[in-house]
C-alpha atoms as a PDB file:
ATOM      1  CA  UNK A   1     128.832 139.446 110.624  1.00  0.00           C
ATOM      2  CA  UNK A   2     130.234 136.909 112.039  1.00  0.00           C
ATOM      3  CA  UNK A   3     130.157 133.472 110.452  1.00  0.00           C
ATOM      4  CA  UNK A   4     129.508 129.591 111.841  1.00  0.00           C
ATOM      5  CA  UNK A   5     132.503 127.993 112.398  1.00  0.00           C
ATOM      6  CA  UNK A   6     133.731 126.155 109.067  1.00  0.00           C
ATOM      7  CA  UNK A   7     133.793 122.047 109.649  1.00  0.00           C
ATOM      8  CA  UNK A   8     137.177 120.507 109.577  1.00  0.00           C
ATOM      9  CA  UNK A   9     137.996 118.388 106.830  1.00  0.00           C
ATOM     10  CA  UNK A  10     138.422 115.539 109.438  1.00  0.00           C
ATOM     11  CA  UNK A  11     134.610 116.173 110.991  1.00  0.00           C
ATOM     12  CA  UNK A  12     133.713 115.972 107.162  1.00  0.00           C
ATOM     13  CA  UNK A  13     135.391 112.855 106.938  1.00  0.00           C
ATOM     14  CA  UNK A  14     133.940 111.529 110.162  1.00  0.00           C
ATOM     15  CA  UNK A  15     130.251 112.830 109.229  1.00  0.00           C
ATOM     16  CA  UNK A  16     130.315 110.561 105.833  1.00  0.00           C
ATOM     17  CA  UNK A  17     131.846 107.973 107.399  1.00  0.00           C
ATOM     18  CA  UNK A  18     129.137 107.427 109.988  1.00  0.00           C
ATOM     19  CA  UNK A  19     126.453 108.010 107.381  1.00  0.00           C
ATOM     20  CA  UNK A  20     128.397 105.061 105.181  1.00  0.00           C
ATOM     21  CA  UNK A  21     128.059 102.594 108.238  1.00  0.00           C
ATOM     22  CA  UNK A  22     124.540 103.768 108.855  1.00  0.00           C
ATOM     23  CA  UNK A  23     123.624 103.245 105.490  1.00  0.00           C
ATOM     24  CA  UNK A  24     125.296 100.214 105.273  1.00  0.00           C
ATOM     25  CA  UNK A  25     123.742  98.626 108.768  1.00  0.00           C
ATOM     26  CA  UNK A  26     119.845  99.658 106.940  1.00  0.00           C
ATOM     27  CA  UNK A  27     120.825  97.975 103.648  1.00  0.00           C
ATOM     28  CA  UNK A  28     121.810  94.532 105.335  1.00  0.00           C
ATOM     29  CA  UNK A  29     118.667  95.230 107.174  1.00  0.00           C
ATOM     30  CA  UNK A  30     116.450  94.986 104.024  1.00  0.00           C
ATOM     31  CA  UNK A  31     118.598  92.277 102.291  1.00  0.00           C
ATOM     32  CA  UNK A  32     117.598  90.333 105.594  1.00  0.00           C
ATOM     33  CA  UNK A  33     113.827  91.270 105.477  1.00  0.00           C
ATOM     34  CA  UNK A  34     113.726  90.715 101.528  1.00  0.00           C
ATOM     35  CA  UNK A  35     114.663  87.015 102.675  1.00  0.00           C
ATOM     36  CA  UNK A  36     112.177  86.629 105.494  1.00  0.00           C
ATOM     37  CA  UNK A  37     109.413  88.805 104.934  1.00  0.00           C
ATOM     38  CA  UNK A  38     105.893  86.913 105.292  1.00  0.00           C
ATOM     39  CA  UNK A  39     103.105  89.147 107.224  1.00  0.00           C
ATOM     40  CA  UNK A  40     101.804  92.526 105.979  1.00  0.00           C
ATOM     41  CA  UNK A  41     103.971  94.079 109.451  1.00  0.00           C
ATOM     42  CA  UNK A  42     107.618  92.584 107.687  1.00  0.00           C
ATOM     43  CA  UNK A  43     106.474  94.208 104.465  1.00  0.00           C
ATOM     44  CA  UNK A  44     105.594  97.925 106.409  1.00  0.00           C
ATOM     45  CA  UNK A  45     108.855  97.656 108.338  1.00  0.00           C
ATOM     46  CA  UNK A  46     110.960  96.927 104.851  1.00  0.00           C
ATOM     47  CA  UNK A  47     108.942  99.822 103.316  1.00  0.00           C
ATOM     48  CA  UNK A  48     109.791 102.121 106.153  1.00  0.00           C
ATOM     49  CA  UNK A  49     113.968 100.566 105.916  1.00  0.00           C
ATOM     50  CA  UNK A  50     113.941 101.616 102.301  1.00  0.00           C
ATOM     51  CA  UNK A  51     112.474 104.741 103.098  1.00  0.00           C
ATOM     52  CA  UNK A  52     115.435 105.460 106.271  1.00  0.00           C
ATOM     53  CA  UNK A  53     118.191 104.536 103.458  1.00  0.00           C
ATOM     54  CA  UNK A  54     116.545 106.753 100.682  1.00  0.00           C
ATOM     55  CA  UNK A  55     116.489 110.045 103.028  1.00  0.00           C
ATOM     56  CA  UNK A  56     120.195 108.830 104.112  1.00  0.00           C
ATOM     57  CA  UNK A  57     121.426 109.101 100.532  1.00  0.00           C
ATOM     58  CA  UNK A  58     118.600 110.178  98.842  1.00  0.00           C
ATOM     59  CA  UNK A  59     120.270 113.556  98.484  1.00  0.00           C
ATOM     60  CA  UNK A  60     123.316 112.256  96.319  1.00  0.00           C
ATOM     61  CA  UNK A  61     121.320 110.128  93.570  1.00  0.00           C
ATOM     62  CA  UNK A  62     120.733 112.777  91.765  1.00  0.00           C
ATOM     63  CA  UNK A  63     123.603 114.776  92.628  1.00  0.00           C
ATOM     64  CA  UNK A  64     125.712 114.188  88.983  1.00  0.00           C
ATOM     65  CA  UNK A  65     122.675 115.099  86.720  1.00  0.00           C
ATOM     66  CA  UNK A  66     123.367 118.232  85.275  1.00  0.00           C
ATOM     67  CA  UNK A  67     121.380 121.832  86.964  1.00  0.00           C
ATOM     68  CA  UNK A  68     119.257 121.705  83.600  1.00  0.00           C
ATOM     69  CA  UNK A  69     118.046 118.371  84.064  1.00  0.00           C
ATOM     70  CA  UNK A  70     117.508 118.865  87.955  1.00  0.00           C
ATOM     71  CA  UNK A  71     115.611 121.557  87.188  1.00  0.00           C
ATOM     72  CA  UNK A  72     113.307 120.107  84.512  1.00  0.00           C
ATOM     73  CA  UNK A  73     112.885 116.893  86.855  1.00  0.00           C
ATOM     74  CA  UNK A  74     111.750 119.481  89.537  1.00  0.00           C
ATOM     75  CA  UNK A  75     109.167 121.462  87.685  1.00  0.00           C
ATOM     76  CA  UNK A  76     108.022 118.187  85.823  1.00  0.00           C
ATOM     77  CA  UNK A  77     107.664 117.000  89.669  1.00  0.00           C
ATOM     78  CA  UNK A  78     105.646 120.119  90.799  1.00  0.00           C
ATOM     79  CA  UNK A  79     103.614 120.146  87.665  1.00  0.00           C
ATOM     80  CA  UNK A  80     102.457 116.570  87.521  1.00  0.00           C
ATOM     81  CA  UNK A  81     102.577 115.651  91.631  1.00  0.00           C
ATOM     82  CA  UNK A  82     105.427 113.795  92.749  1.00  0.00           C
ATOM     83  CA  UNK A  83     103.181 110.843  93.059  1.00  0.00           C
ATOM     84  CA  UNK A  84     103.076 110.535  89.278  1.00  0.00           C
ATOM     85  CA  UNK A  85     106.488 110.987  89.313  1.00  0.00           C
ATOM     86  CA  UNK A  86     109.133 107.990  89.018  1.00  0.00           C
ATOM     87  CA  UNK A  87     112.671 109.374  88.674  1.00  0.00           C
ATOM     88  CA  UNK A  88     116.323 108.320  89.714  1.00  0.00           C
ATOM     89  CA  UNK A  89     115.655 108.507  93.020  1.00  0.00           C
ATOM     90  CA  UNK A  90     111.943 106.288  92.800  1.00  0.00           C
ATOM     91  CA  UNK A  91     114.148 103.681  90.781  1.00  0.00           C
ATOM     92  CA  UNK A  92     116.671 103.580  93.551  1.00  0.00           C
ATOM     93  CA  UNK A  93     113.977 103.150  95.954  1.00  0.00           C
ATOM     94  CA  UNK A  94     111.819 100.447  93.620  1.00  0.00           C
ATOM     95  CA  UNK A  95     115.036  98.322  92.320  1.00  0.00           C
ATOM     96  CA  UNK A  96     117.973  99.409  94.725  1.00  0.00           C
ATOM     97  CA  UNK A  97     119.949 100.678  92.532  1.00  0.00           C
ATOM     98  CA  UNK A  98     120.984 103.616  91.133  1.00  0.00           C
ATOM     99  CA  UNK A  99     120.471 104.793  87.638  1.00  0.00           C
ATOM    100  CA  UNK A 100     123.872 105.717  85.629  1.00  0.00           C
ATOM    101  CA  UNK A 101     123.073 109.333  85.687  1.00  0.00           C
ATOM    102  CA  UNK A 102     125.067 110.220  82.422  1.00  0.00           C
ATOM    103  CA  UNK A 103     122.348 108.143  80.870  1.00  0.00           C
ATOM    104  CA  UNK A 104     119.270 110.198  82.328  1.00  0.00           C
ATOM    105  CA  UNK A 105     117.997 112.430  79.043  1.00  0.00           C
ATOM    106  CA  UNK A 106     116.129 115.738  79.225  1.00  0.00           C
ATOM    107  CA  UNK A 107     112.758 115.770  79.892  1.00  0.00           C
ATOM    108  CA  UNK A 108     111.187 116.358  76.230  1.00  0.00           C
ATOM    109  CA  UNK A 109     107.599 117.102  77.592  1.00  0.00           C
ATOM    110  CA  UNK A 110     106.585 120.685  77.702  1.00  0.00           C
ATOM    111  CA  UNK A 111     104.705 122.313  80.198  1.00  0.00           C
ATOM    112  CA  UNK A 112     101.277 121.699  78.781  1.00  0.00           C
ATOM    113  CA  UNK A 113     101.858 118.365  78.283  1.00  0.00           C
ATOM    114  CA  UNK A 114     102.592 117.666  81.893  1.00  0.00           C
ATOM    115  CA  UNK A 115      99.224 119.501  82.982  1.00  0.00           C
ATOM    116  CA  UNK A 116      97.965 117.472  80.196  1.00  0.00           C
ATOM    117  CA  UNK A 117      99.257 114.635  81.680  1.00  0.00           C
ATOM    118  CA  UNK A 118      97.948 114.874  84.881  1.00  0.00           C
ATOM    119  CA  UNK A 119      94.244 115.832  83.791  1.00  0.00           C
ATOM    120  CA  UNK A 120      94.378 112.651  82.556  1.00  0.00           C
ATOM    121  CA  UNK A 121      95.680 110.990  85.358  1.00  0.00           C
ATOM    122  CA  UNK A 122      99.035 110.158  83.826  1.00  0.00           C
ATOM    123  CA  UNK A 123     102.419 109.747  85.546  1.00  0.00           C
ATOM    124  CA  UNK A 124     105.769 110.906  84.469  1.00  0.00           C
ATOM    125  CA  UNK A 125     107.841 107.636  84.038  1.00  0.00           C
ATOM    126  CA  UNK A 126     111.996 107.595  83.631  1.00  0.00           C
ATOM    127  CA  UNK A 127     112.325 104.035  81.544  1.00  0.00           C
ATOM    128  CA  UNK A 128     115.866 102.189  81.837  1.00  0.00           C
ATOM    129  CA  UNK A 129     117.322  99.682  79.479  1.00  0.00           C
ATOM    130  CA  UNK A 130     119.794  98.032  81.484  1.00  0.00           C
ATOM    131  CA  UNK A 131     120.405  96.863  85.260  1.00  0.00           C
ATOM    132  CA  UNK A 132     123.066  98.210  87.677  1.00  0.00           C
ATOM    133  CA  UNK A 133     125.556  95.209  86.471  1.00  0.00           C
ATOM    134  CA  UNK A 134     124.911  96.587  82.820  1.00  0.00           C
ATOM    135  CA  UNK A 135     122.735  93.502  81.805  1.00  0.00           C
ATOM    136  CA  UNK A 136     119.135  93.998  79.903  1.00  0.00           C
ATOM    137  CA  UNK A 137     116.397  94.832  82.465  1.00  0.00           C
ATOM    138  CA  UNK A 138     114.095  92.546  81.005  1.00  0.00           C
ATOM    139  CA  UNK A 139     111.327  91.217  82.763  1.00  0.00           C
ATOM    140  CA  UNK A 140     113.267  88.466  84.048  1.00  0.00           C
ATOM    141  CA  UNK A 141     115.868  90.836  85.162  1.00  0.00           C
ATOM    142  CA  UNK A 142     113.173  92.920  87.361  1.00  0.00           C
ATOM    143  CA  UNK A 143     111.906  89.534  88.416  1.00  0.00           C
ATOM    144  CA  UNK A 144     115.034  88.706  89.684  1.00  0.00           C
ATOM    145  CA  UNK A 145     116.192  92.366  91.410  1.00  0.00           C
ATOM    146  CA  UNK A 146     112.657  92.335  93.206  1.00  0.00           C
ATOM    147  CA  UNK A 147     112.691  88.657  94.357  1.00  0.00           C
ATOM    148  CA  UNK A 148     108.939  88.391  92.785  1.00  0.00           C
ATOM    149  CA  UNK A 149     107.928  90.701  95.346  1.00  0.00           C
ATOM    150  CA  UNK A 150     106.240  94.156  96.084  1.00  0.00           C
ATOM    151  CA  UNK A 151     106.498  96.229  99.485  1.00  0.00           C
ATOM    152  CA  UNK A 152     102.988  94.717 100.453  1.00  0.00           C
ATOM    153  CA  UNK A 153     103.866  91.319 100.059  1.00  0.00           C
ATOM    154  CA  UNK A 154     102.433  90.700  96.305  1.00  0.00           C
ATOM    155  CA  UNK A 155     104.028  88.718  93.530  1.00  0.00           C
ATOM    156  CA  UNK A 156     105.204  90.639  90.603  1.00  0.00           C
ATOM    157  CA  UNK A 157     104.461  88.219  88.601  1.00  0.00           C
ATOM    158  CA  UNK A 158     102.222  84.578  88.848  1.00  0.00           C
ATOM    159  CA  UNK A 159     102.257  81.871  86.635  1.00  0.00           C
ATOM    160  CA  UNK A 160     105.435  82.618  84.306  1.00  0.00           C
ATOM    161  CA  UNK A 161     106.164  78.594  83.319  1.00  0.00           C
ATOM    162  CA  UNK A 162     104.043  79.145  79.898  1.00  0.00           C
ATOM    163  CA  UNK A 163     106.204  82.326  78.782  1.00  0.00           C
ATOM    164  CA  UNK A 164     109.807  81.584  80.758  1.00  0.00           C
ATOM    165  CA  UNK A 165     111.592  80.598  78.092  1.00  0.00           C
ATOM    166  CA  UNK A 166     110.012  83.537  75.193  1.00  0.00           C
ATOM    167  CA  UNK A 167     112.270  86.219  73.982  1.00  0.00           C
ATOM    168  CA  UNK A 168     109.746  88.946  75.553  1.00  0.00           C
ATOM    169  CA  UNK A 169     110.322  87.756  78.647  1.00  0.00           C
ATOM    170  CA  UNK A 170     114.232  86.972  78.594  1.00  0.00           C
ATOM    171  CA  UNK A 171     115.448  89.851  76.413  1.00  0.00           C
ATOM    172  CA  UNK A 172     113.001  92.454  75.310  1.00  0.00           C
ATOM    173  CA  UNK A 173     113.855  95.837  77.623  1.00  0.00           C
ATOM    174  CA  UNK A 174     112.224  98.931  77.766  1.00  0.00           C
ATOM    175  CA  UNK A 175     112.690 101.531  75.586  1.00  0.00           C
ATOM    176  CA  UNK A 176     115.226 104.383  77.506  1.00  0.00           C
ATOM    177  CA  UNK A 177     113.647 107.377  78.285  1.00  0.00           C
ATOM    178  CA  UNK A 178     111.207 109.789  79.920  1.00  0.00           C
ATOM    179  CA  UNK A 179     107.201 108.704  79.069  1.00  0.00           C
ATOM    180  CA  UNK A 180     103.901 109.545  80.015  1.00  0.00           C
ATOM    181  CA  UNK A 181     102.169 107.011  81.083  1.00  0.00           C
ATOM    182  CA  UNK A 182      98.174 106.460  82.026  1.00  0.00           C
ATOM    183  CA  UNK A 183      97.672 104.560  85.099  1.00  0.00           C
ATOM    184  CA  UNK A 184      93.989 103.347  84.444  1.00  0.00           C
ATOM    185  CA  UNK A 185      92.726 101.801  80.991  1.00  0.00           C
ATOM    186  CA  UNK A 186      91.802 103.461  77.947  1.00  0.00           C
ATOM    187  CA  UNK A 187      88.276 104.061  78.800  1.00  0.00           C
ATOM    188  CA  UNK A 188      85.313 101.968  76.683  1.00  0.00           C
ATOM    189  CA  UNK A 189      88.916 100.123  75.762  1.00  0.00           C
ATOM    190  CA  UNK A 190      87.371  96.562  77.209  1.00  0.00           C
ATOM    191  CA  UNK A 191      86.244  93.517  76.486  1.00  0.00           C
ATOM    192  CA  UNK A 192      86.804  94.254  72.842  1.00  0.00           C
ATOM    193  CA  UNK A 193      89.077  92.616  70.405  1.00  0.00           C
ATOM    194  CA  UNK A 194      92.636  94.281  69.117  1.00  0.00           C
ATOM    195  CA  UNK A 195      91.177  96.127  66.311  1.00  0.00           C
ATOM    196  CA  UNK A 196      88.446  97.606  68.360  1.00  0.00           C
ATOM    197  CA  UNK A 197      90.514  98.417  71.005  1.00  0.00           C
ATOM    198  CA  UNK A 198      93.317 100.659  68.841  1.00  0.00           C
ATOM    199  CA  UNK A 199      90.054 102.568  67.042  1.00  0.00           C
ATOM    200  CA  UNK A 200      89.041 103.333  70.987  1.00  0.00           C
ATOM    201  CA  UNK A 201      92.751 104.349  71.643  1.00  0.00           C
ATOM    202  CA  UNK A 202      92.398 106.701  68.417  1.00  0.00           C
ATOM    203  CA  UNK A 203      89.033 108.019  69.896  1.00  0.00           C
ATOM    204  CA  UNK A 204      90.990 108.849  73.167  1.00  0.00           C
ATOM    205  CA  UNK A 205      93.646 110.599  71.570  1.00  0.00           C
ATOM    206  CA  UNK A 206      91.345 112.659  69.256  1.00  0.00           C
ATOM    207  CA  UNK A 207      88.774 113.426  72.030  1.00  0.00           C
ATOM    208  CA  UNK A 208      91.039 113.709  75.229  1.00  0.00           C
ATOM    209  CA  UNK A 209      94.840 113.645  74.580  1.00  0.00           C
ATOM    210  CA  UNK A 210      94.653 116.100  71.854  1.00  0.00           C
ATOM    211  CA  UNK A 211      90.872 117.576  72.414  1.00  0.00           C
ATOM    212  CA  UNK A 212      90.929 121.076  70.582  1.00  0.00           C
ATOM    213  CA  UNK A 213      94.189 120.611  68.944  1.00  0.00           C
ATOM    214  CA  UNK A 214      96.087 119.196  65.898  1.00  0.00           C
ATOM    215  CA  UNK A 215      97.469 115.709  66.202  1.00  0.00           C
ATOM    216  CA  UNK A 216     101.053 115.617  66.294  1.00  0.00           C
ATOM    217  CA  UNK A 217     102.117 114.250  62.281  1.00  0.00           C
ATOM    218  CA  UNK A 218     103.959 110.940  63.786  1.00  0.00           C
ATOM    219  CA  UNK A 219      99.942 109.772  65.624  1.00  0.00           C
ATOM    220  CA  UNK A 220      98.040 111.935  62.455  1.00  0.00           C
ATOM    221  CA  UNK A 221     100.512 109.234  60.399  1.00  0.00           C
ATOM    222  CA  UNK A 222      99.536 106.095  62.528  1.00  0.00           C
ATOM    223  CA  UNK A 223      96.127 106.973  62.543  1.00  0.00           C
ATOM    224  CA  UNK A 224      96.606 106.887  58.412  1.00  0.00           C
ATOM    225  CA  UNK A 225      98.280 103.669  58.107  1.00  0.00           C
ATOM    226  CA  UNK A 226      95.717 101.733  60.202  1.00  0.00           C
ATOM    227  CA  UNK A 227      92.816 103.436  58.935  1.00  0.00           C
ATOM    228  CA  UNK A 228      94.321 102.096  55.289  1.00  0.00           C
ATOM    229  CA  UNK A 229      94.479  98.339  57.057  1.00  0.00           C
ATOM    230  CA  UNK A 230      91.345  98.050  58.852  1.00  0.00           C
ATOM    231  CA  UNK A 231      89.658  96.772  56.300  1.00  0.00           C
ATOM    232  CA  UNK A 232      91.898  93.976  55.858  1.00  0.00           C
ATOM    233  CA  UNK A 233      92.915  93.143  59.010  1.00  0.00           C
ATOM    234  CA  UNK A 234      89.245  92.662  59.962  1.00  0.00           C
ATOM    235  CA  UNK A 235      88.694  90.589  57.097  1.00  0.00           C
ATOM    236  CA  UNK A 236      91.285  88.373  58.898  1.00  0.00           C
ATOM    237  CA  UNK A 237      90.307  88.280  62.530  1.00  0.00           C
ATOM    238  CA  UNK A 238      87.356  85.819  61.745  1.00  0.00           C
ATOM    239  CA  UNK A 239      89.675  83.741  59.564  1.00  0.00           C
ATOM    240  CA  UNK A 240      92.959  83.924  60.611  1.00  0.00           C
ATOM    241  CA  UNK A 241      93.637  86.027  64.179  1.00  0.00           C
ATOM    242  CA  UNK A 242      96.725  85.518  64.258  1.00  0.00           C
ATOM    243  CA  UNK A 243      97.729  87.024  60.971  1.00  0.00           C
ATOM    244  CA  UNK A 244      95.791  89.898  62.024  1.00  0.00           C
ATOM    245  CA  UNK A 245      97.239  89.903  65.331  1.00  0.00           C
ATOM    246  CA  UNK A 246     100.759  90.484  63.800  1.00  0.00           C
ATOM    247  CA  UNK A 247      99.719  93.284  61.069  1.00  0.00           C
ATOM    248  CA  UNK A 248      98.124  95.216  64.097  1.00  0.00           C
ATOM    249  CA  UNK A 249     100.911  94.403  66.254  1.00  0.00           C
ATOM    250  CA  UNK A 250     103.575  95.962  63.293  1.00  0.00           C
ATOM    251  CA  UNK A 251     101.416  99.539  63.280  1.00  0.00           C
ATOM    252  CA  UNK A 252     102.883 102.563  63.991  1.00  0.00           C
ATOM    253  CA  UNK A 253      99.775 103.320  66.267  1.00  0.00           C
ATOM    254  CA  UNK A 254     100.621 100.396  68.105  1.00  0.00           C
ATOM    255  CA  UNK A 255     104.441 101.129  69.266  1.00  0.00           C
ATOM    256  CA  UNK A 256     103.804 104.612  70.054  1.00  0.00           C
ATOM    257  CA  UNK A 257     100.675 104.034  72.129  1.00  0.00           C
ATOM    258  CA  UNK A 258     100.714 100.684  73.809  1.00  0.00           C
ATOM    259  CA  UNK A 259     102.964  99.648  76.807  1.00  0.00           C
ATOM    260  CA  UNK A 260     105.484  96.396  75.592  1.00  0.00           C
ATOM    261  CA  UNK A 261     104.854  94.208  78.475  1.00  0.00           C
ATOM    262  CA  UNK A 262     108.004  94.986  80.129  1.00  0.00           C
ATOM    263  CA  UNK A 263     107.027  98.538  79.885  1.00  0.00           C
ATOM    264  CA  UNK A 264     103.960  97.436  81.568  1.00  0.00           C
ATOM    265  CA  UNK A 265     105.833  95.775  84.437  1.00  0.00           C
ATOM    266  CA  UNK A 266     108.715  98.210  84.765  1.00  0.00           C
ATOM    267  CA  UNK A 267     106.114 101.544  85.320  1.00  0.00           C
ATOM    268  CA  UNK A 268     103.820  99.580  87.131  1.00  0.00           C
ATOM    269  CA  UNK A 269     106.635  98.254  89.648  1.00  0.00           C
ATOM    270  CA  UNK A 270     108.229 101.767  89.792  1.00  0.00           C
ATOM    271  CA  UNK A 271     105.371 103.496  90.871  1.00  0.00           C
ATOM    272  CA  UNK A 272     103.844 100.898  92.901  1.00  0.00           C
ATOM    273  CA  UNK A 273     107.177 100.354  95.219  1.00  0.00           C
ATOM    274  CA  UNK A 274     106.896 104.430  95.666  1.00  0.00           C
END
């Protein structure tokens, strides 16, 4: 059987140079559009150009990962749905930089976890804690990277004046790694105070996330801690709500189930931009 002729090194180099030149042209158009976009049509064009750039170099976005991680990502994407998956390629689209692939960890969720997440309308997100320049990927940094705009022209942030110097805006980052995130608020958790919301979260864990299963040790211990402090916190709410809030924020159940402000912004932007 005859083989197709293999391209010469010169031809390969020529194709690569052409792709790079095309990519530079598209990237320059994107930069220009980001600076001047005002209308819905402008933002649709910007999105299309971003997709073109992703299509041109998308194959290389994850090429530096180990075969095992790539296989895990492909399987996870198939299970949870590509619209609910945010990996290195999606991060590049959202933030216009390629993640440091050496830092991308294995996905520690099982297929059963992912199937359950899909049922609960959750998404799987690779969170980063550093930007391309090595600086912390804070809310302030996300604001700078995005130009404070998402693809439809909406603002990422609104009035930041009252917290622009606060540490949660200038210093805190998401916890790096893979996370399963709800796209909607927990049912029956609105119009409630922090304590009541926490009770709703616990009910949701028991009745939905881990229905017909034993709670993992980490969650059970966190719930036990909450129950042991619940009466004290209830007593504080009416007289010293700040002390009550402080106690609630330090509980393990809060830390393992609630997004921090920067995580909420990170998850929203990466999902929305894709």
